[in-house]
Amino acid sequence: MNPKIPQSVLVVIYTESLDVLMIKRADADDFWQSVTGSKDRLDESYFETAVREVFEETGIDCGPGSALAGCLLDWQLENIYEIYPQWRHRYGPGVTRNTEHLFGLRVPVGTVVHLSPSEHTAFKWLSYMQAAEACFSPSNAEACLMLPRFANHQIR
């Protein structure tokens, strides 16, 4: 297995009423999060990574030509954080920090979610405040709390 690239995306999926999709990781007890994932290639853009990860983890298609094309908003924010020790073995030797690029994806109420069972075991929709409280990751919680600011700037 190739080492993971320490460049990833965080995609907050939400509805017009600011309910946020939270998904439970399969490899960690009670670890709820938004869609996250690393680049597959160094030349893969963050946007391409976000589209791919959303589809792989939830079955929601927001790529070009889809019904949700144009609904993925790049928040133009990045977090740099220490990789949790339990996941460092997935990266190359000496890699301890990750750069995470933030996106929001607005979806209609009732959007069907199909989880990847190898990655996630459950999902739930929570208000953005409840989602922030449920998040294991501090950067994910902060992104949920920023949602009203970014959702109000998204052109519909």
Protein backbone atom coordinates (compact mmCIF):
# COMPACT_ATOMS: atom_id res chain seq x y z
CA MET A 1 0.00 0.00 0.00
CA ASN A 2 1.30 3.44 -0.95
CA PRO A 3 1.60 5.97 1.85
CA LYS A 4 -1.19 8.53 2.12
CA ILE A 5 -0.52 12.03 0.86
CA PRO A 6 -0.75 14.52 3.77
CA GLN A 7 -3.10 16.78 1.82
CA SER A 8 -6.79 16.21 2.39
CA VAL A 9 -10.26 17.69 2.14
CA LEU A 10 -13.04 18.20 4.65
CA VAL A 11 -16.49 18.54 3.07
CA VAL A 12 -19.39 19.74 5.22
CA ILE A 13 -22.56 18.43 3.53
CA TYR A 14 -25.62 20.42 4.55
CA THR A 15 -29.20 21.34 3.70
CA GLU A 16 -30.80 24.76 3.27
CA SER A 17 -31.89 24.65 6.94
CA LEU A 18 -28.23 24.04 7.92
CA ASP A 19 -28.65 20.42 8.94
CA VAL A 20 -25.30 18.68 8.54
CA LEU A 21 -24.62 15.10 7.47
CA MET A 22 -22.48 13.32 10.05
CA ILE A 23 -20.97 9.90 9.32
CA LYS A 24 -19.54 7.42 11.81
CA ARG A 25 -16.12 5.95 11.06
CA ALA A 26 -15.86 2.17 10.92
CA ASP A 27 -12.33 2.09 12.34
CA ALA A 28 -12.88 4.19 15.47
CA ASP A 29 -15.38 3.93 18.30
CA ASP A 30 -17.92 6.76 18.35
CA PHE A 31 -15.98 8.93 15.88
CA TRP A 32 -18.44 11.13 13.96
CA GLN A 33 -17.26 13.38 11.18
CA SER A 34 -18.00 15.07 7.88
CA VAL A 35 -16.61 13.65 4.64
CA THR A 36 -12.82 13.66 4.69
CA GLY A 37 -10.14 12.14 2.55
CA SER A 38 -6.67 12.51 1.13
CA LYS A 39 -5.55 13.21 -2.40
CA ASP A 40 -4.91 10.07 -4.44
CA ARG A 41 -2.18 11.82 -6.46
CA LEU A 42 -0.12 14.95 -5.86
CA ASP A 43 -1.51 16.52 -9.04
CA GLU A 44 -5.14 15.82 -8.05
CA SER A 45 -6.80 19.15 -7.22
CA TYR A 46 -8.55 19.65 -3.91
CA PHE A 47 -11.80 20.09 -5.84
CA GLU A 48 -11.33 16.73 -7.61
CA THR A 49 -10.49 15.13 -4.26
CA ALA A 50 -13.64 16.58 -2.68
CA VAL A 51 -15.90 15.34 -5.50
CA ARG A 52 -14.32 11.87 -5.37
CA GLU A 53 -14.45 11.55 -1.57
CA VAL A 54 -18.07 12.72 -1.34
CA PHE A 55 -19.07 10.08 -3.89
CA GLU A 56 -16.93 7.30 -2.36
CA GLU A 57 -18.13 7.92 1.20
CA THR A 58 -21.79 8.88 0.66
CA GLY A 59 -22.75 7.99 -2.91
CA ILE A 60 -23.66 11.64 -3.50
CA ASP A 61 -22.54 12.81 -6.94
CA CYS A 62 -21.56 16.49 -7.09
CA GLY A 63 -19.21 16.21 -10.04
CA PRO A 64 -19.47 17.94 -13.40
CA GLY A 65 -22.68 17.00 -15.20
CA SER A 66 -24.44 15.84 -12.02
CA ALA A 67 -27.61 17.35 -10.54
CA LEU A 68 -25.45 18.87 -7.78
CA ALA A 69 -22.74 20.23 -10.08
CA GLY A 70 -22.03 23.74 -8.90
CA CYS A 71 -23.20 23.05 -5.33
CA LEU A 72 -19.72 22.25 -4.01
CA LEU A 73 -18.28 25.50 -2.63
CA ASP A 74 -14.57 25.92 -1.96
CA TRP A 75 -14.34 27.81 1.32
CA GLN A 76 -10.75 28.87 0.51
CA LEU A 77 -9.62 27.81 4.00
CA GLU A 78 -7.03 25.31 5.14
CA ASN A 79 -6.17 23.76 8.46
CA ILE A 80 -2.76 22.32 9.22
CA TYR A 81 -2.88 19.85 12.05
CA GLU A 82 -0.97 17.08 13.77
CA ILE A 83 -2.00 13.65 12.46
CA TYR A 84 -3.39 11.50 15.27
CA PRO A 85 -0.76 8.93 16.30
CA GLN A 86 -3.08 5.98 15.60
CA TRP A 87 -3.20 6.95 11.90
CA ARG A 88 0.42 8.02 11.27
CA HIS A 89 1.37 4.54 10.02
CA ARG A 90 -0.71 5.29 6.90
CA TYR A 91 1.71 8.06 5.89
CA GLY A 92 5.36 8.04 4.90
CA PRO A 93 8.16 7.96 7.48
CA GLY A 94 8.38 11.15 9.52
CA VAL A 95 5.08 12.61 8.27
CA THR A 96 3.23 14.04 11.26
CA ARG A 97 1.23 16.97 9.85
CA ASN A 98 -1.62 17.20 7.34
CA THR A 99 -3.04 20.10 5.34
CA GLU A 100 -6.85 19.98 5.16
CA HIS A 101 -8.77 22.08 2.59
CA LEU A 102 -12.40 22.98 3.44
CA PHE A 103 -15.51 22.75 1.26
CA GLY A 104 -19.26 22.93 1.76
CA LEU A 105 -21.81 20.98 -0.26
CA ARG A 106 -25.44 22.09 -0.15
CA VAL A 107 -27.87 19.26 -0.93
CA PRO A 108 -31.67 19.03 -1.01
CA VAL A 109 -33.50 17.63 2.01
CA GLY A 110 -34.03 13.91 1.46
CA THR A 111 -30.79 13.39 -0.48
CA VAL A 112 -30.11 9.65 -0.46
CA VAL A 113 -26.93 8.58 1.33
CA HIS A 114 -25.16 5.29 0.55
CA LEU A 115 -22.25 4.75 2.92
CA SER A 116 -19.11 2.87 2.04
CA PRO A 117 -19.31 0.07 4.67
CA SER A 118 -15.53 -0.30 4.83
CA GLU A 119 -15.26 3.35 5.94
CA HIS A 120 -18.50 4.26 7.75
CA THR A 121 -21.18 2.40 9.68
CA ALA A 122 -23.91 5.00 10.25
CA PHE A 123 -25.06 8.50 9.36
CA LYS A 124 -27.33 11.12 10.81
CA TRP A 125 -28.45 14.65 10.02
CA LEU A 126 -27.94 17.16 12.84
CA SER A 127 -28.31 20.90 13.18
CA TYR A 128 -24.96 22.57 12.57
CA MET A 129 -24.60 23.26 16.31
CA GLN A 130 -25.34 19.62 17.22
CA ALA A 131 -22.98 18.46 14.46
CA ALA A 132 -20.18 20.59 15.91
CA GLU A 133 -20.76 18.98 19.31
CA ALA A 134 -20.76 15.48 17.80
CA CYS A 135 -17.49 15.91 15.89
CA PHE A 136 -14.44 14.09 17.15
CA SER A 137 -12.11 16.44 15.26
CA PRO A 138 -11.74 20.04 16.47
CA SER A 139 -11.21 21.30 12.89
CA ASN A 140 -14.41 19.55 11.78
CA ALA A 141 -16.33 21.08 14.70
CA GLU A 142 -15.02 24.52 13.78
CA ALA A 143 -16.07 24.01 10.14
CA CYS A 144 -19.61 23.13 11.25
CA LEU A 145 -19.77 26.30 13.34
CA MET A 146 -18.63 28.38 10.33
CA LEU A 147 -21.41 26.96 8.16
CA PRO A 148 -23.92 29.84 8.55
CA ARG A 149 -21.35 32.33 7.29
CA PHE A 150 -20.45 30.28 4.22
CA ALA A 151 -23.98 29.05 3.44
CA ASN A 152 -25.27 32.64 3.36
CA HIS A 153 -22.61 33.60 0.78
CA GLN A 154 -23.36 30.73 -1.57
CA ILE A 155 -25.20 31.85 -4.68
CA ARG A 156 -28.36 29.89 -5.47
